[in-house]
C-alpha cells in the first residue's frame, strides 16, 4: 500500500512539475516539484536517503517561510477566492497559491524525512 501511495505521489508531483513549464518563473518550481517526485519515487522502492530528504525538506521549509507574507496579505484582504479561476489575476492570489503548493510539498517531504529516521 505504501508503495502505491508513493508511486501516486510521484506521478502527481511529475504533473505539478510539468504544469510549471508554462509559468513565468518555471525553473525553480519545476526543479522543486521534480525533487519531490524523485524523493517519492525513491521512497516507493524503500530508499530513504536521509541527507537528500532532510535537505529538500529544509529547502521547502525556508521557501515556505519566504512565501508566508503572501498568505498574510491574503488574510488581510479578507481571504478572497484563490481557486475561482486558473489565471492568477492579482499578486495575492499568485502568492497564496504558491504558498499552498510549497506547503503540500513540505508536508510530503517531512513525512518521508521522518520515515527515514525509522530506517
PDB file of N, CA and C in Angstrom:
ATOM      1  N   UNK A   1       0.820  -1.197   0.000  1.00  0.00           N
ATOM      2  CA  UNK A   1       0.000   0.000   0.000  1.00  0.00           C
ATOM      3  C   UNK A   1       0.870   1.272   0.000  1.00  0.00           C
ATOM      4  N   UNK A   2       1.955   1.264   0.826  1.00  0.00           N
ATOM      5  CA  UNK A   2       2.840   2.430   0.844  1.00  0.00           C
ATOM      6  C   UNK A   2       3.469   2.651  -0.525  1.00  0.00           C
ATOM      7  N   UNK A   3       3.849   1.565  -1.175  1.00  0.00           N
ATOM      8  CA  UNK A   3       4.474   1.695  -2.488  1.00  0.00           C
ATOM      9  C   UNK A   3       3.516   2.371  -3.466  1.00  0.00           C
ATOM     10  N   UNK A   4       2.258   1.973  -3.452  1.00  0.00           N
ATOM     11  CA  UNK A   4       1.260   2.567  -4.331  1.00  0.00           C
ATOM     12  C   UNK A   4       1.102   4.063  -4.045  1.00  0.00           C
ATOM     13  N   UNK A   5       1.032   4.432  -2.769  1.00  0.00           N
ATOM     14  CA  UNK A   5       0.866   5.838  -2.394  1.00  0.00           C
ATOM     15  C   UNK A   5       2.057   6.661  -2.860  1.00  0.00           C
ATOM     16  N   UNK A   6       3.264   6.138  -2.651  1.00  0.00           N
ATOM     17  CA  UNK A   6       4.450   6.879  -3.082  1.00  0.00           C
ATOM     18  C   UNK A   6       4.532   6.972  -4.613  1.00  0.00           C
ATOM     19  N   UNK A   7       4.124   5.927  -5.312  1.00  0.00           N
ATOM     20  CA  UNK A   7       4.103   5.995  -6.774  1.00  0.00           C
ATOM     21  C   UNK A   7       3.055   6.991  -7.257  1.00  0.00           C
ATOM     22  N   UNK A   8       1.916   7.027  -6.589  1.00  0.00           N
ATOM     23  CA  UNK A   8       0.880   8.005  -6.923  1.00  0.00           C
ATOM     24  C   UNK A   8       1.392   9.428  -6.684  1.00  0.00           C
ATOM     25  N   UNK A   9       2.058   9.638  -5.548  1.00  0.00           N
ATOM     26  CA  UNK A   9       2.638  10.952  -5.262  1.00  0.00           C
ATOM     27  C   UNK A   9       3.717  11.315  -6.283  1.00  0.00           C
ATOM     28  N   UNK A  10       4.488  10.335  -6.718  1.00  0.00           N
ATOM     29  CA  UNK A  10       5.482  10.578  -7.761  1.00  0.00           C
ATOM     30  C   UNK A  10       4.802  11.117  -9.009  1.00  0.00           C
ATOM     31  N   UNK A  11       3.739  10.446  -9.435  1.00  0.00           N
ATOM     32  CA  UNK A  11       3.009  10.879 -10.631  1.00  0.00           C
ATOM     33  C   UNK A  11       2.410  12.275 -10.441  1.00  0.00           C
ATOM     34  N   UNK A  12       1.837  12.532  -9.281  1.00  0.00           N
ATOM     35  CA  UNK A  12       1.226  13.837  -9.016  1.00  0.00           C
ATOM     36  C   UNK A  12       2.269  14.951  -9.089  1.00  0.00           C
ATOM     37  N   UNK A  13       3.424  14.732  -8.461  1.00  0.00           N
ATOM     38  CA  UNK A  13       4.442  15.784  -8.479  1.00  0.00           C
ATOM     39  C   UNK A  13       5.107  15.912  -9.847  1.00  0.00           C
ATOM     40  N   UNK A  14       5.124  14.857 -10.636  1.00  0.00           N
ATOM     41  CA  UNK A  14       5.599  14.983 -12.019  1.00  0.00           C
ATOM     42  C   UNK A  14       4.636  15.860 -12.820  1.00  0.00           C
ATOM     43  N   UNK A  15       3.351  15.681 -12.591  1.00  0.00           N
ATOM     44  CA  UNK A  15       2.353  16.535 -13.255  1.00  0.00           C
ATOM     45  C   UNK A  15       2.520  17.979 -12.787  1.00  0.00           C
ATOM     46  N   UNK A  16       2.691  18.177 -11.477  1.00  0.00           N
ATOM     47  CA  UNK A  16       2.926  19.528 -10.958  1.00  0.00           C
ATOM     48  C   UNK A  16       4.132  20.163 -11.651  1.00  0.00           C
ATOM     49  N   UNK A  17       5.214  19.410 -11.775  1.00  0.00           N
ATOM     50  CA  UNK A  17       6.428  19.933 -12.416  1.00  0.00           C
ATOM     51  C   UNK A  17       6.148  20.294 -13.873  1.00  0.00           C
ATOM     52  N   UNK A  18       5.439  19.427 -14.572  1.00  0.00           N
ATOM     53  CA  UNK A  18       5.111  19.687 -15.976  1.00  0.00           C
ATOM     54  C   UNK A  18       4.271  20.953 -16.132  1.00  0.00           C
ATOM     55  N   UNK A  19       3.299  21.121 -15.245  1.00  0.00           N
ATOM     56  CA  UNK A  19       2.423  22.285 -15.335  1.00  0.00           C
ATOM     57  C   UNK A  19       3.159  23.596 -15.066  1.00  0.00           C
ATOM     58  N   UNK A  20       4.300  23.530 -14.413  1.00  0.00           N
ATOM     59  CA  UNK A  20       5.076  24.740 -14.128  1.00  0.00           C
ATOM     60  C   UNK A  20       5.848  25.234 -15.346  1.00  0.00           C
ATOM     61  N   UNK A  21       5.959  24.395 -16.361  1.00  0.00           N
ATOM     62  CA  UNK A  21       6.758  24.768 -17.526  1.00  0.00           C
ATOM     63  C   UNK A  21       6.227  26.001 -18.244  1.00  0.00           C
ATOM     64  N   UNK A  22       4.926  26.291 -18.129  1.00  0.00           N
ATOM     65  CA  UNK A  22       4.378  27.475 -18.802  1.00  0.00           C
ATOM     66  C   UNK A  22       4.234  28.661 -17.845  1.00  0.00           C
ATOM     67  N   UNK A  23       4.804  28.550 -16.647  1.00  0.00           N
ATOM     68  CA  UNK A  23       4.744  29.621 -15.662  1.00  0.00           C
ATOM     69  C   UNK A  23       5.781  30.691 -16.006  1.00  0.00           C
ATOM     70  N   UNK A  24       5.635  31.870 -15.428  1.00  0.00           N
ATOM     71  CA  UNK A  24       6.589  32.943 -15.703  1.00  0.00           C
ATOM     72  C   UNK A  24       7.946  32.684 -15.048  1.00  0.00           C
ATOM     73  N   UNK A  25       7.967  31.874 -13.988  1.00  0.00           N
ATOM     74  CA  UNK A  25       9.228  31.514 -13.319  1.00  0.00           C
ATOM     75  C   UNK A  25       9.309  29.998 -13.174  1.00  0.00           C
ATOM     76  N   UNK A  26       9.494  29.289 -14.310  1.00  0.00           N
ATOM     77  CA  UNK A  26       9.357  27.829 -14.288  1.00  0.00           C
ATOM     78  C   UNK A  26      10.523  27.062 -13.677  1.00  0.00           C
ATOM     79  N   UNK A  27      11.719  27.609 -13.702  1.00  0.00           N
ATOM     80  CA  UNK A  27      12.897  26.814 -13.366  1.00  0.00           C
ATOM     81  C   UNK A  27      12.862  26.316 -11.934  1.00  0.00           C
ATOM     82  N   UNK A  28      12.746  27.213 -10.967  1.00  0.00           N
ATOM     83  CA  UNK A  28      12.811  26.747  -9.578  1.00  0.00           C
ATOM     84  C   UNK A  28      11.587  25.927  -9.180  1.00  0.00           C
ATOM     85  N   UNK A  29      10.415  26.253  -9.737  1.00  0.00           N
ATOM     86  CA  UNK A  29       9.221  25.457  -9.408  1.00  0.00           C
ATOM     87  C   UNK A  29       9.311  24.061 -10.021  1.00  0.00           C
ATOM     88  N   UNK A  30       9.733  23.986 -11.269  1.00  0.00           N
ATOM     89  CA  UNK A  30       9.861  22.685 -11.927  1.00  0.00           C
ATOM     90  C   UNK A  30      10.887  21.824 -11.198  1.00  0.00           C
ATOM     91  N   UNK A  31      12.036  22.398 -10.889  1.00  0.00           N
ATOM     92  CA  UNK A  31      13.070  21.642 -10.177  1.00  0.00           C
ATOM     93  C   UNK A  31      12.608  21.236  -8.780  1.00  0.00           C
ATOM     94  N   UNK A  32      11.889  22.122  -8.108  1.00  0.00           N
ATOM     95  CA  UNK A  32      11.388  21.797  -6.770  1.00  0.00           C
ATOM     96  C   UNK A  32      10.424  20.625  -6.793  1.00  0.00           C
ATOM     97  N   UNK A  33       9.459  20.680  -7.689  1.00  0.00           N
ATOM     98  CA  UNK A  33       8.489  19.585  -7.775  1.00  0.00           C
ATOM     99  C   UNK A  33       9.140  18.298  -8.281  1.00  0.00           C
ATOM    100  N   UNK A  34      10.126  18.422  -9.164  1.00  0.00           N
ATOM    101  CA  UNK A  34      10.860  17.223  -9.597  1.00  0.00           C
ATOM    102  C   UNK A  34      11.620  16.595  -8.434  1.00  0.00           C
ATOM    103  N   UNK A  35      12.178  17.414  -7.549  1.00  0.00           N
ATOM    104  CA  UNK A  35      12.886  16.884  -6.376  1.00  0.00           C
ATOM    105  C   UNK A  35      11.933  16.087  -5.483  1.00  0.00           C
ATOM    106  N   UNK A  36      10.706  16.580  -5.333  1.00  0.00           N
ATOM    107  CA  UNK A  36       9.724  15.841  -4.526  1.00  0.00           C
ATOM    108  C   UNK A  36       9.329  14.552  -5.243  1.00  0.00           C
ATOM    109  N   UNK A  37       9.139  14.621  -6.550  1.00  0.00           N
ATOM    110  CA  UNK A  37       8.779  13.421  -7.318  1.00  0.00           C
ATOM    111  C   UNK A  37       9.876  12.361  -7.212  1.00  0.00           C
ATOM    112  N   UNK A  38      11.127  12.778  -7.324  1.00  0.00           N
ATOM    113  CA  UNK A  38      12.246  11.841  -7.189  1.00  0.00           C
ATOM    114  C   UNK A  38      12.256  11.229  -5.793  1.00  0.00           C
ATOM    115  N   UNK A  39      12.032  12.065  -4.792  1.00  0.00           N
ATOM    116  CA  UNK A  39      12.007  11.576  -3.409  1.00  0.00           C
ATOM    117  C   UNK A  39      10.906  10.535  -3.211  1.00  0.00           C
ATOM    118  N   UNK A  40       9.736  10.802  -3.749  1.00  0.00           N
ATOM    119  CA  UNK A  40       8.622   9.853  -3.626  1.00  0.00           C
ATOM    120  C   UNK A  40       8.927   8.560  -4.378  1.00  0.00           C
ATOM    121  N   UNK A  41       9.547   8.693  -5.545  1.00  0.00           N
ATOM    122  CA  UNK A  41       9.930   7.508  -6.312  1.00  0.00           C
ATOM    123  C   UNK A  41      10.925   6.649  -5.557  1.00  0.00           C
ATOM    124  N   UNK A  42      11.908   7.280  -4.942  1.00  0.00           N
ATOM    125  CA  UNK A  42      12.869   6.527  -4.135  1.00  0.00           C
ATOM    126  C   UNK A  42      12.175   5.843  -2.962  1.00  0.00           C
ATOM    127  N   UNK A  43      11.295   6.574  -2.288  1.00  0.00           N
ATOM    128  CA  UNK A  43      10.590   6.004  -1.132  1.00  0.00           C
ATOM    129  C   UNK A  43       9.705   4.829  -1.534  1.00  0.00           C
ATOM    130  N   UNK A  44       9.160   4.872  -2.743  1.00  0.00           N
ATOM    131  CA  UNK A  44       8.318   3.764  -3.213  1.00  0.00           C
ATOM    132  C   UNK A  44       9.092   2.458  -3.256  1.00  0.00           C
ATOM    133  N   UNK A  45      10.395   2.563  -3.462  1.00  0.00           N
ATOM    134  CA  UNK A  45      11.230   1.366  -3.526  1.00  0.00           C
ATOM    135  C   UNK A  45      12.095   1.190  -2.283  1.00  0.00           C
ATOM    136  N   UNK A  46      11.646   1.828  -1.186  1.00  0.00           N
ATOM    137  CA  UNK A  46      12.300   1.639   0.104  1.00  0.00           C
ATOM    138  C   UNK A  46      13.608   2.380   0.286  1.00  0.00           C
ATOM    139  N   UNK A  47      13.875   3.339  -0.567  1.00  0.00           N
ATOM    140  CA  UNK A  47      15.109   4.126  -0.466  1.00  0.00           C
ATOM    141  C   UNK A  47      14.781   5.462   0.205  1.00  0.00           C
ATOM    142  N   UNK A  48      15.419   5.693   1.327  1.00  0.00           N
ATOM    143  CA  UNK A  48      15.206   6.920   2.089  1.00  0.00           C
ATOM    144  C   UNK A  48      16.552   7.580   2.382  1.00  0.00           C
ATOM    145  N   UNK A  49      17.192   8.207   1.381  1.00  0.00           N
ATOM    146  CA  UNK A  49      18.473   8.865   1.653  1.00  0.00           C
ATOM    147  C   UNK A  49      18.255  10.085   2.556  1.00  0.00           C
ATOM    148  N   UNK A  50      18.667   9.936   3.803  1.00  0.00           N
ATOM    149  CA  UNK A  50      18.376  10.955   4.817  1.00  0.00           C
ATOM    150  C   UNK A  50      18.881  12.331   4.422  1.00  0.00           C
ATOM    151  N   UNK A  51      20.116  12.407   3.971  1.00  0.00           N
ATOM    152  CA  UNK A  51      20.669  13.716   3.632  1.00  0.00           C
ATOM    153  C   UNK A  51      19.832  14.409   2.568  1.00  0.00           C
ATOM    154  N   UNK A  52      19.390  13.652   1.566  1.00  0.00           N
ATOM    155  CA  UNK A  52      18.581  14.202   0.479  1.00  0.00           C
ATOM    156  C   UNK A  52      17.226  14.658   1.010  1.00  0.00           C
ATOM    157  N   UNK A  53      16.549  13.780   1.752  1.00  0.00           N
ATOM    158  CA  UNK A  53      15.207  14.091   2.244  1.00  0.00           C
ATOM    159  C   UNK A  53      15.209  15.299   3.168  1.00  0.00           C
ATOM    160  N   UNK A  54      16.165  15.352   4.086  1.00  0.00           N
ATOM    161  CA  UNK A  54      16.213  16.475   5.026  1.00  0.00           C
ATOM    162  C   UNK A  54      16.631  17.767   4.329  1.00  0.00           C
ATOM    163  N   UNK A  55      17.491  17.691   3.320  1.00  0.00           N
ATOM    164  CA  UNK A  55      17.901  18.887   2.578  1.00  0.00           C
ATOM    165  C   UNK A  55      16.725  19.469   1.808  1.00  0.00           C
ATOM    166  N   UNK A  56      16.013  18.616   1.083  1.00  0.00           N
ATOM    167  CA  UNK A  56      14.864  19.087   0.301  1.00  0.00           C
ATOM    168  C   UNK A  56      13.770  19.597   1.239  1.00  0.00           C
ATOM    169  N   UNK A  57      13.560  18.909   2.356  1.00  0.00           N
ATOM    170  CA  UNK A  57      12.564  19.371   3.332  1.00  0.00           C
ATOM    171  C   UNK A  57      12.934  20.753   3.857  1.00  0.00           C
ATOM    172  N   UNK A  58      14.195  20.959   4.192  1.00  0.00           N
ATOM    173  CA  UNK A  58      14.654  22.260   4.694  1.00  0.00           C
ATOM    174  C   UNK A  58      14.484  23.348   3.632  1.00  0.00           C
ATOM    175  N   UNK A  59      14.817  23.023   2.400  1.00  0.00           N
ATOM    176  CA  UNK A  59      14.660  23.999   1.316  1.00  0.00           C
ATOM    177  C   UNK A  59      13.204  24.419   1.188  1.00  0.00           C
ATOM    178  N   UNK A  60      12.298  23.450   1.194  1.00  0.00           N
ATOM    179  CA  UNK A  60      10.882  23.793   1.088  1.00  0.00           C
ATOM    180  C   UNK A  60      10.390  24.549   2.315  1.00  0.00           C
ATOM    181  N   UNK A  61      10.902  24.208   3.495  1.00  0.00           N
ATOM    182  CA  UNK A  61      10.519  24.923   4.707  1.00  0.00           C
ATOM    183  C   UNK A  61      10.938  26.383   4.653  1.00  0.00           C
ATOM    184  N   UNK A  62      12.165  26.632   4.230  1.00  0.00           N
ATOM    185  CA  UNK A  62      12.657  28.014   4.110  1.00  0.00           C
ATOM    186  C   UNK A  62      11.902  28.756   3.021  1.00  0.00           C
ATOM    187  N   UNK A  63      11.693  28.094   1.906  1.00  0.00           N
ATOM    188  CA  UNK A  63      10.963  28.685   0.776  1.00  0.00           C
ATOM    189  C   UNK A  63       9.549  29.054   1.219  1.00  0.00           C
ATOM    190  N   UNK A  64       8.936  28.200   2.018  1.00  0.00           N
ATOM    191  CA  UNK A  64       7.592  28.451   2.522  1.00  0.00           C
ATOM    192  C   UNK A  64       7.578  29.682   3.437  1.00  0.00           C
ATOM    193  N   UNK A  65       8.585  29.807   4.287  1.00  0.00           N
ATOM    194  CA  UNK A  65       8.667  30.974   5.170  1.00  0.00           C
ATOM    195  C   UNK A  65       8.846  32.259   4.368  1.00  0.00           C
ATOM    196  N   UNK A  66       9.607  32.175   3.292  1.00  0.00           N
ATOM    197  CA  UNK A  66       9.789  33.344   2.423  1.00  0.00           C
ATOM    198  C   UNK A  66       8.453  33.727   1.765  1.00  0.00           C
ATOM    199  N   UNK A  67       7.627  32.733   1.447  1.00  0.00           N
ATOM    200  CA  UNK A  67       6.341  32.985   0.794  1.00  0.00           C
ATOM    201  C   UNK A  67       5.232  33.355   1.775  1.00  0.00           C
ATOM    202  N   UNK A  68       5.474  33.209   3.061  1.00  0.00           N
ATOM    203  CA  UNK A  68       4.449  33.460   4.082  1.00  0.00           C
ATOM    204  C   UNK A  68       3.833  34.854   4.014  1.00  0.00           C
ATOM    205  N   UNK A  69       4.575  35.918   3.727  1.00  0.00           N
ATOM    206  CA  UNK A  69       3.929  37.233   3.643  1.00  0.00           C
ATOM    207  C   UNK A  69       2.774  37.295   2.635  1.00  0.00           C
ATOM    208  N   UNK A  70       2.849  36.484   1.582  1.00  0.00           N
ATOM    209  CA  UNK A  70       1.753  36.440   0.614  1.00  0.00           C
ATOM    210  C   UNK A  70       0.463  35.928   1.228  1.00  0.00           C
ATOM    211  N   UNK A  71       0.573  34.961   2.124  1.00  0.00           N
ATOM    212  CA  UNK A  71      -0.609  34.428   2.801  1.00  0.00           C
ATOM    213  C   UNK A  71      -1.131  35.443   3.817  1.00  0.00           C
ATOM    214  N   UNK A  72      -0.223  36.152   4.451  1.00  0.00           N
ATOM    215  CA  UNK A  72      -0.647  37.193   5.393  1.00  0.00           C
ATOM    216  C   UNK A  72      -1.400  38.290   4.638  1.00  0.00           C
ATOM    217  N   UNK A  73      -0.917  38.669   3.456  1.00  0.00           N
ATOM    218  CA  UNK A  73      -1.631  39.649   2.625  1.00  0.00           C
ATOM    219  C   UNK A  73      -3.013  39.126   2.244  1.00  0.00           C
ATOM    220  N   UNK A  74      -3.093  37.840   1.913  1.00  0.00           N
ATOM    221  CA  UNK A  74      -4.364  37.213   1.551  1.00  0.00           C
ATOM    222  C   UNK A  74      -5.342  37.310   2.718  1.00  0.00           C
ATOM    223  N   UNK A  75      -4.850  37.030   3.920  1.00  0.00           N
ATOM    224  CA  UNK A  75      -5.692  37.114   5.120  1.00  0.00           C
ATOM    225  C   UNK A  75      -6.135  38.551   5.359  1.00  0.00           C
ATOM    226  N   UNK A  76      -5.239  39.508   5.185  1.00  0.00           N
ATOM    227  CA  UNK A  76      -5.564  40.910   5.420  1.00  0.00           C
ATOM    228  C   UNK A  76      -6.573  41.448   4.416  1.00  0.00           C
ATOM    229  N   UNK A  77      -6.646  40.818   3.252  1.00  0.00           N
ATOM    230  CA  UNK A  77      -7.628  41.216   2.243  1.00  0.00           C
ATOM    231  C   UNK A  77      -8.953  40.473   2.405  1.00  0.00           C
ATOM    232  N   UNK A  78      -9.082  39.703   3.479  1.00  0.00           N
ATOM    233  CA  UNK A  78     -10.337  39.014   3.752  1.00  0.00           C
ATOM    234  C   UNK A  78     -10.489  37.676   3.066  1.00  0.00           C
ATOM    235  N   UNK A  79      -9.378  37.017   2.760  1.00  0.00           N
ATOM    236  CA  UNK A  79      -9.375  35.704   2.109  1.00  0.00           C
ATOM    237  C   UNK A  79     -10.178  35.684   0.807  1.00  0.00           C
ATOM    238  N   UNK A  80      -9.806  36.524  -0.170  1.00  0.00           N
ATOM    239  CA  UNK A  80     -10.519  36.453  -1.453  1.00  0.00           C
ATOM    240  C   UNK A  80     -10.302  35.080  -2.099  1.00  0.00           C
ATOM    241  N   UNK A  81     -11.232  34.712  -2.965  1.00  0.00           N
ATOM    242  CA  UNK A  81     -11.192  33.401  -3.618  1.00  0.00           C
ATOM    243  C   UNK A  81      -9.898  33.240  -4.422  1.00  0.00           C
ATOM    244  N   UNK A  82      -9.140  32.200  -4.105  1.00  0.00           N
ATOM    245  CA  UNK A  82      -7.894  31.946  -4.844  1.00  0.00           C
ATOM    246  C   UNK A  82      -8.035  30.772  -5.811  1.00  0.00           C
ATOM    247  N   UNK A  83      -9.208  30.142  -5.827  1.00  0.00           N
ATOM    248  CA  UNK A  83      -9.401  28.964  -6.677  1.00  0.00           C
ATOM    249  C   UNK A  83     -10.472  29.192  -7.740  1.00  0.00           C
ATOM    250  N   UNK A  84     -11.019  30.380  -7.827  1.00  0.00           N
ATOM    251  CA  UNK A  84     -12.121  30.646  -8.745  1.00  0.00           C
ATOM    252  C   UNK A  84     -11.743  30.578 -10.214  1.00  0.00           C
ATOM    253  N   UNK A  85     -10.520  30.942 -10.529  1.00  0.00           N
ATOM    254  CA  UNK A  85     -10.071  30.911 -11.921  1.00  0.00           C
ATOM    255  C   UNK A  85      -8.621  30.455 -11.967  1.00  0.00           C
ATOM    256  N   UNK A  86      -8.215  29.912 -13.087  1.00  0.00           N
ATOM    257  CA  UNK A  86      -6.848  29.386 -13.185  1.00  0.00           C
ATOM    258  C   UNK A  86      -5.821  30.507 -13.295  1.00  0.00           C
ATOM    259  N   UNK A  87      -6.170  31.581 -13.974  1.00  0.00           N
ATOM    260  CA  UNK A  87      -5.222  32.687 -14.132  1.00  0.00           C
ATOM    261  C   UNK A  87      -5.186  33.496 -12.842  1.00  0.00           C
ATOM    262  N   UNK A  88      -3.993  33.697 -12.338  1.00  0.00           N
ATOM    263  CA  UNK A  88      -3.834  34.498 -11.121  1.00  0.00           C
ATOM    264  C   UNK A  88      -3.888  35.969 -11.514  1.00  0.00           C
ATOM    265  N   UNK A  89      -5.018  36.619 -11.221  1.00  0.00           N
ATOM    266  CA  UNK A  89      -5.220  37.992 -11.665  1.00  0.00           C
ATOM    267  C   UNK A  89      -4.581  39.025 -10.739  1.00  0.00           C
ATOM    268  N   UNK A  90      -4.239  38.628  -9.518  1.00  0.00           N
ATOM    269  CA  UNK A  90      -3.596  39.564  -8.592  1.00  0.00           C
ATOM    270  C   UNK A  90      -2.427  38.863  -7.911  1.00  0.00           C
ATOM    271  N   UNK A  91      -1.461  39.659  -7.433  1.00  0.00           N
ATOM    272  CA  UNK A  91      -0.321  39.044  -6.745  1.00  0.00           C
ATOM    273  C   UNK A  91      -0.725  38.240  -5.514  1.00  0.00           C
ATOM    274  N   UNK A  92      -1.761  38.677  -4.801  1.00  0.00           N
ATOM    275  CA  UNK A  92      -2.156  37.951  -3.590  1.00  0.00           C
ATOM    276  C   UNK A  92      -2.639  36.544  -3.936  1.00  0.00           C
ATOM    277  N   UNK A  93      -3.301  36.395  -5.067  1.00  0.00           N
ATOM    278  CA  UNK A  93      -3.770  35.066  -5.495  1.00  0.00           C
ATOM    279  C   UNK A  93      -2.562  34.203  -5.851  1.00  0.00           C
ATOM    280  N   UNK A  94      -1.651  34.754  -6.639  1.00  0.00           N
ATOM    281  CA  UNK A  94      -0.449  34.005  -7.039  1.00  0.00           C
ATOM    282  C   UNK A  94       0.380  33.604  -5.820  1.00  0.00           C
ATOM    283  N   UNK A  95       0.615  34.541  -4.924  1.00  0.00           N
ATOM    284  CA  UNK A  95       1.442  34.268  -3.756  1.00  0.00           C
ATOM    285  C   UNK A  95       0.796  33.248  -2.821  1.00  0.00           C
ATOM    286  N   UNK A  96      -0.504  33.323  -2.651  1.00  0.00           N
ATOM    287  CA  UNK A  96      -1.191  32.363  -1.786  1.00  0.00           C
ATOM    288  C   UNK A  96      -1.151  30.967  -2.382  1.00  0.00           C
ATOM    289  N   UNK A  97      -1.379  30.876  -3.671  1.00  0.00           N
ATOM    290  CA  UNK A  97      -1.312  29.564  -4.331  1.00  0.00           C
ATOM    291  C   UNK A  97       0.090  28.974  -4.219  1.00  0.00           C
ATOM    292  N   UNK A  98       1.079  29.813  -4.423  1.00  0.00           N
ATOM    293  CA  UNK A  98       2.455  29.329  -4.316  1.00  0.00           C
ATOM    294  C   UNK A  98       2.733  28.809  -2.909  1.00  0.00           C
ATOM    295  N   UNK A  99       2.264  29.523  -1.901  1.00  0.00           N
ATOM    296  CA  UNK A  99       2.486  29.088  -0.528  1.00  0.00           C
ATOM    297  C   UNK A  99       1.862  27.715  -0.297  1.00  0.00           C
ATOM    298  N   UNK A 100       0.639  27.511  -0.764  1.00  0.00           N
ATOM    299  CA  UNK A 100      -0.019  26.225  -0.521  1.00  0.00           C
ATOM    300  C   UNK A 100       0.625  25.096  -1.312  1.00  0.00           C
ATOM    301  N   UNK A 101       1.159  25.392  -2.491  1.00  0.00           N
ATOM    302  CA  UNK A 101       1.938  24.390  -3.219  1.00  0.00           C
ATOM    303  C   UNK A 101       3.195  23.997  -2.447  1.00  0.00           C
ATOM    304  N   UNK A 102       3.839  25.003  -1.868  1.00  0.00           N
ATOM    305  CA  UNK A 102       5.019  24.737  -1.041  1.00  0.00           C
ATOM    306  C   UNK A 102       4.649  23.944   0.208  1.00  0.00           C
ATOM    307  N   UNK A 103       3.510  24.276   0.796  1.00  0.00           N
ATOM    308  CA  UNK A 103       3.063  23.566   2.000  1.00  0.00           C
ATOM    309  C   UNK A 103       2.824  22.087   1.702  1.00  0.00           C
ATOM    310  N   UNK A 104       2.175  21.797   0.593  1.00  0.00           N
ATOM    311  CA  UNK A 104       1.922  20.405   0.203  1.00  0.00           C
ATOM    312  C   UNK A 104       3.252  19.670   0.025  1.00  0.00           C
ATOM    313  N   UNK A 105       4.165  20.286  -0.715  1.00  0.00           N
ATOM    314  CA  UNK A 105       5.472  19.655  -0.948  1.00  0.00           C
ATOM    315  C   UNK A 105       6.227  19.478   0.372  1.00  0.00           C
ATOM    316  N   UNK A 106       6.181  20.476   1.234  1.00  0.00           N
ATOM    317  CA  UNK A 106       6.873  20.401   2.522  1.00  0.00           C
ATOM    318  C   UNK A 106       6.330  19.261   3.371  1.00  0.00           C
ATOM    319  N   UNK A 107       5.014  19.127   3.440  1.00  0.00           N
ATOM    320  CA  UNK A 107       4.417  18.069   4.262  1.00  0.00           C
ATOM    321  C   UNK A 107       4.807  16.695   3.723  1.00  0.00           C
ATOM    322  N   UNK A 108       4.752  16.515   2.413  1.00  0.00           N
ATOM    323  CA  UNK A 108       5.135  15.230   1.818  1.00  0.00           C
ATOM    324  C   UNK A 108       6.601  14.932   2.137  1.00  0.00           C
ATOM    325  N   UNK A 109       7.454  15.932   1.975  1.00  0.00           N
ATOM    326  CA  UNK A 109       8.883  15.727   2.258  1.00  0.00           C
ATOM    327  C   UNK A 109       9.125  15.454   3.738  1.00  0.00           C
ATOM    328  N   UNK A 110       8.424  16.158   4.606  1.00  0.00           N
ATOM    329  CA  UNK A 110       8.605  15.961   6.046  1.00  0.00           C
ATOM    330  C   UNK A 110       8.199  14.548   6.463  1.00  0.00           C
ATOM    331  N   UNK A 111       7.122  14.051   5.897  1.00  0.00           N
ATOM    332  CA  UNK A 111       6.691  12.682   6.207  1.00  0.00           C
ATOM    333  C   UNK A 111       7.769  11.686   5.793  1.00  0.00           C
ATOM    334  N   UNK A 112       8.333  11.873   4.614  1.00  0.00           N
ATOM    335  CA  UNK A 112       9.381  10.955   4.162  1.00  0.00           C
ATOM    336  C   UNK A 112      10.654  11.105   4.996  1.00  0.00           C
ATOM    337  N   UNK A 113      11.002  12.346   5.331  1.00  0.00           N
ATOM    338  CA  UNK A 113      12.201  12.574   6.133  1.00  0.00           C
ATOM    339  C   UNK A 113      12.053  11.937   7.519  1.00  0.00           C
ATOM    340  N   UNK A 114      10.880  12.073   8.104  1.00  0.00           N
ATOM    341  CA  UNK A 114      10.640  11.442   9.402  1.00  0.00           C
ATOM    342  C   UNK A 114      10.647   9.914   9.297  1.00  0.00           C
ATOM    343  N   UNK A 115      10.131   9.391   8.197  1.00  0.00           N
ATOM    344  CA  UNK A 115      10.148   7.950   7.968  1.00  0.00           C
ATOM    345  C   UNK A 115      11.582   7.450   7.817  1.00  0.00           C
ATOM    346  N   UNK A 116      12.457   8.305   7.303  1.00  0.00           N
ATOM    347  CA  UNK A 116      13.850   7.869   7.133  1.00  0.00           C
ATOM    348  C   UNK A 116      14.539   7.672   8.470  1.00  0.00           C
ATOM    349  N   UNK A 117      14.049   8.315   9.511  1.00  0.00           N
ATOM    350  CA  UNK A 117      14.639   8.150  10.834  1.00  0.00           C
ATOM    351  C   UNK A 117      14.391   6.758  11.387  1.00  0.00           C
ATOM    352  N   UNK A 118      13.308   6.124  10.942  1.00  0.00           N
ATOM    353  CA  UNK A 118      12.949   4.781  11.425  1.00  0.00           C
ATOM    354  C   UNK A 118      13.712   3.695  10.708  1.00  0.00           C
ATOM    355  N   UNK A 119      14.454   4.055   9.687  1.00  0.00           N
ATOM    356  CA  UNK A 119      15.154   3.040   8.887  1.00  0.00           C
ATOM    357  C   UNK A 119      16.604   2.968   9.278  1.00  0.00           C
TER     358      UNK A 119
END
